[in-house]
Amino acid sequence: MSTSTGASTAALVVAAALALAGCGDSDSDAHSGSSEPELSVGSVYMPQPVSDSMAAGFLVVANAGGADDRLSSVTSDLAGEVTLHATSGQSMTEVKNLDVPGHGKLVLESGGNHLMFEKLKRKPKEGDKVSLELHFTKSGPLKVEMPVKSPTYQPTAATKSSLQSSAQSSSTSHH
């Protein structure tokens, strides 16, 4: 049953991100039928790595625009190399890019598509922030601060607060 909760939480986060992306847009006529990607990033985190050489990263890229885009590479001051991985079934494959569909989203999550930080220059600890830059085939690069969470962190309960800049996700709204 927790998967439906996770899915609806993710849907809420994306809806909130899309709503926020639309704020402050006074000339909406210019954007109706936009054929450009309009990207925003949310639900960003890295579980504290157990390895000295590798770490995983997760985030959601929402695209409010009508055109597709692709995440083509990621760079970070933490790692010698950041690779994109697609997961299908039990197998993980390194890929050259990941699609960000128009009016859709690219979800990088535990058990699914994700980032791998390889050749770590240092081992990040819980509470640290990792700087990274997302590169796309059409849109300009996006700079992102990725908070490092506990190794067992699960975003389901904390996803809503991750859109805010607060690093703490101790919301008291448990069923």
Protein backbone atom coordinates (compact mmCIF):
# COMPACT_ATOMS: atom_id res chain seq x y z
CA MET A 1 0.00 0.00 0.00
CA SER A 2 2.91 2.34 0.55
CA THR A 3 3.55 2.50 -3.19
CA SER A 4 0.25 4.28 -3.80
CA THR A 5 1.11 6.73 -1.01
CA GLY A 6 4.55 7.27 -2.55
CA ALA A 7 3.07 7.74 -6.00
CA SER A 8 0.48 10.24 -4.79
CA THR A 9 3.12 12.08 -2.75
CA ALA A 10 5.34 12.25 -5.83
CA ALA A 11 2.37 13.50 -7.86
CA LEU A 12 1.73 16.21 -5.25
CA VAL A 13 5.37 17.27 -5.34
CA VAL A 14 5.36 17.48 -9.11
CA ALA A 15 2.06 19.40 -9.07
CA ALA A 16 3.56 21.81 -6.52
CA ALA A 17 6.73 22.16 -8.57
CA LEU A 18 4.73 22.81 -11.73
CA ALA A 19 2.54 25.33 -9.88
CA LEU A 20 5.64 27.09 -8.52
CA ALA A 21 7.24 27.09 -11.97
CA GLY A 22 4.18 28.97 -13.28
CA CYS A 23 4.25 31.67 -10.58
CA GLY A 24 5.31 35.19 -11.45
CA ASP A 25 4.56 34.68 -15.13
CA SER A 26 2.61 37.80 -16.03
CA ASP A 27 2.74 37.44 -19.83
CA SER A 28 1.14 34.00 -20.04
CA ASP A 29 0.15 34.64 -23.68
CA ALA A 30 3.78 34.30 -24.70
CA HIS A 31 3.92 30.88 -23.05
CA SER A 32 0.71 29.32 -24.29
CA GLY A 33 1.72 26.56 -26.65
CA SER A 34 5.37 27.08 -25.75
CA SER A 35 7.63 24.85 -27.79
CA GLU A 36 10.58 25.33 -25.44
CA PRO A 37 11.40 23.14 -22.46
CA GLU A 38 10.85 24.88 -19.09
CA LEU A 39 12.77 22.87 -16.53
CA SER A 40 12.78 22.90 -12.74
CA VAL A 41 14.36 20.50 -10.24
CA GLY A 42 13.00 19.13 -6.96
CA SER A 43 13.14 16.17 -4.55
CA VAL A 44 16.94 16.32 -4.61
CA TYR A 45 18.98 14.12 -2.25
CA MET A 46 21.95 11.80 -1.90
CA PRO A 47 21.93 9.00 0.68
CA GLN A 48 25.17 9.11 2.66
CA PRO A 49 27.36 6.67 0.71
CA VAL A 50 28.59 3.48 2.35
CA SER A 51 31.41 3.25 -0.18
CA ASP A 52 34.46 5.53 -0.33
CA SER A 53 34.44 5.56 -4.11
CA MET A 54 30.78 5.78 -5.19
CA ALA A 55 27.50 7.46 -4.27
CA ALA A 56 24.01 7.57 -5.76
CA GLY A 57 21.92 10.70 -6.35
CA PHE A 58 18.21 11.20 -6.84
CA LEU A 59 16.06 14.09 -8.09
CA VAL A 60 13.08 14.99 -10.25
CA VAL A 61 13.33 17.25 -13.30
CA ALA A 62 9.91 18.68 -14.15
CA ASN A 63 9.29 20.14 -17.62
CA ALA A 64 6.44 22.66 -17.76
CA GLY A 65 7.17 23.43 -21.43
CA GLY A 66 5.80 21.69 -24.48
CA ALA A 67 9.11 20.51 -25.94
CA ASP A 68 11.03 17.42 -24.90
CA ASP A 69 14.55 17.77 -23.58
CA ARG A 70 17.23 15.35 -22.45
CA LEU A 71 19.51 15.23 -19.45
CA SER A 72 22.81 14.64 -21.25
CA SER A 73 25.39 14.88 -18.45
CA VAL A 74 25.98 15.88 -14.86
CA THR A 75 29.10 17.42 -13.35
CA SER A 76 29.97 17.76 -9.67
CA ASP A 77 32.85 19.00 -7.55
CA LEU A 78 32.45 15.81 -5.48
CA ALA A 79 33.17 13.23 -8.15
CA GLY A 80 35.60 12.59 -10.97
CA GLU A 81 32.66 11.35 -12.99
CA VAL A 82 28.87 11.38 -12.70
CA THR A 83 27.05 8.83 -14.83
CA LEU A 84 23.38 8.39 -15.72
CA HIS A 85 21.84 4.99 -15.06
CA ALA A 86 18.57 3.48 -16.24
CA THR A 87 17.07 0.61 -14.28
CA SER A 88 14.72 -1.95 -15.77
CA GLY A 89 13.78 -4.94 -13.69
CA GLN A 90 16.87 -5.96 -11.72
CA SER A 91 19.43 -4.63 -14.18
CA MET A 92 21.15 -1.24 -14.13
CA THR A 93 22.59 0.15 -17.34
CA GLU A 94 24.70 3.25 -17.88
CA VAL A 95 23.04 5.46 -20.52
CA LYS A 96 24.20 8.52 -22.50
CA ASN A 97 21.10 10.59 -21.67
CA LEU A 98 17.65 10.45 -20.10
CA ASP A 99 14.50 11.97 -21.61
CA VAL A 100 12.64 14.83 -19.96
CA PRO A 101 9.27 14.76 -21.79
CA GLY A 102 7.36 17.96 -22.55
CA HIS A 103 4.67 18.59 -19.90
CA GLY A 104 6.19 15.68 -17.99
CA LYS A 105 9.04 14.77 -15.70
CA LEU A 106 12.21 12.74 -15.39
CA VAL A 107 12.19 10.90 -12.05
CA LEU A 108 15.50 9.68 -10.64
CA GLU A 109 14.66 7.56 -7.59
CA SER A 110 15.91 4.68 -5.49
CA GLY A 111 15.20 1.45 -7.38
CA GLY A 112 14.75 3.36 -10.65
CA ASN A 113 16.78 5.65 -12.89
CA HIS A 114 19.48 7.46 -10.91
CA LEU A 115 22.82 9.28 -10.91
CA MET A 116 26.05 7.52 -9.90
CA PHE A 117 28.86 9.66 -8.51
CA GLU A 118 32.11 7.80 -9.20
CA LYS A 119 35.75 8.42 -8.24
CA LEU A 120 34.70 10.44 -5.19
CA LYS A 121 37.16 13.15 -4.17
CA ARG A 122 35.80 12.99 -0.60
CA LYS A 123 33.16 10.96 1.20
CA PRO A 124 30.12 13.18 1.88
CA LYS A 125 28.45 12.90 5.28
CA GLU A 126 24.85 13.40 6.33
CA GLY A 127 24.15 17.14 6.53
CA ASP A 128 26.64 18.04 3.76
CA LYS A 129 25.54 19.63 0.50
CA VAL A 130 26.94 18.49 -2.83
CA SER A 131 27.02 20.96 -5.75
CA LEU A 132 26.16 19.64 -9.16
CA GLU A 133 25.29 20.98 -12.57
CA LEU A 134 22.76 19.30 -14.83
CA HIS A 135 23.41 19.61 -18.57
CA PHE A 136 20.64 19.24 -21.16
CA THR A 137 20.59 18.93 -24.95
CA LYS A 138 18.34 22.02 -25.39
CA SER A 139 18.11 23.95 -22.13
CA GLY A 140 20.93 25.74 -20.38
CA PRO A 141 22.64 24.04 -17.44
CA LEU A 142 20.93 24.00 -14.03
CA LYS A 143 22.96 24.31 -10.83
CA VAL A 144 21.62 22.21 -7.95
CA GLU A 145 22.58 21.80 -4.29
CA MET A 146 22.04 18.17 -3.29
CA PRO A 147 21.62 17.56 0.46
CA VAL A 148 23.22 14.41 1.85
CA LYS A 149 20.74 12.37 3.91
CA SER A 150 21.11 9.32 6.13
CA PRO A 151 22.01 6.07 4.30
CA THR A 152 18.48 4.73 4.99
CA TYR A 153 16.59 7.94 4.08
CA GLN A 154 13.27 7.30 2.30
CA PRO A 155 11.77 10.40 0.58
CA THR A 156 8.09 9.39 0.89
CA ALA A 157 7.40 11.29 4.13
CA ALA A 158 9.81 14.14 3.44
CA THR A 159 9.22 14.80 -0.25
CA LYS A 160 6.79 17.66 0.36
CA SER A 161 9.27 19.64 2.44
CA SER A 162 12.15 18.97 0.04
CA LEU A 163 10.81 21.66 -2.29
CA GLN A 164 11.49 24.17 0.46
CA SER A 165 15.06 24.96 1.36
CA SER A 166 14.76 23.44 4.84
CA ALA A 167 17.13 20.55 5.26
CA GLN A 168 15.06 19.09 8.10
CA SER A 169 12.09 16.96 7.12
CA SER A 170 10.58 16.27 10.51
CA SER A 171 6.96 16.92 9.68
CA THR A 172 4.64 15.69 12.42
CA SER A 173 1.76 14.71 10.13
CA HIS A 174 1.95 10.93 10.58
CA HIS A 175 -1.29 9.00 10.08
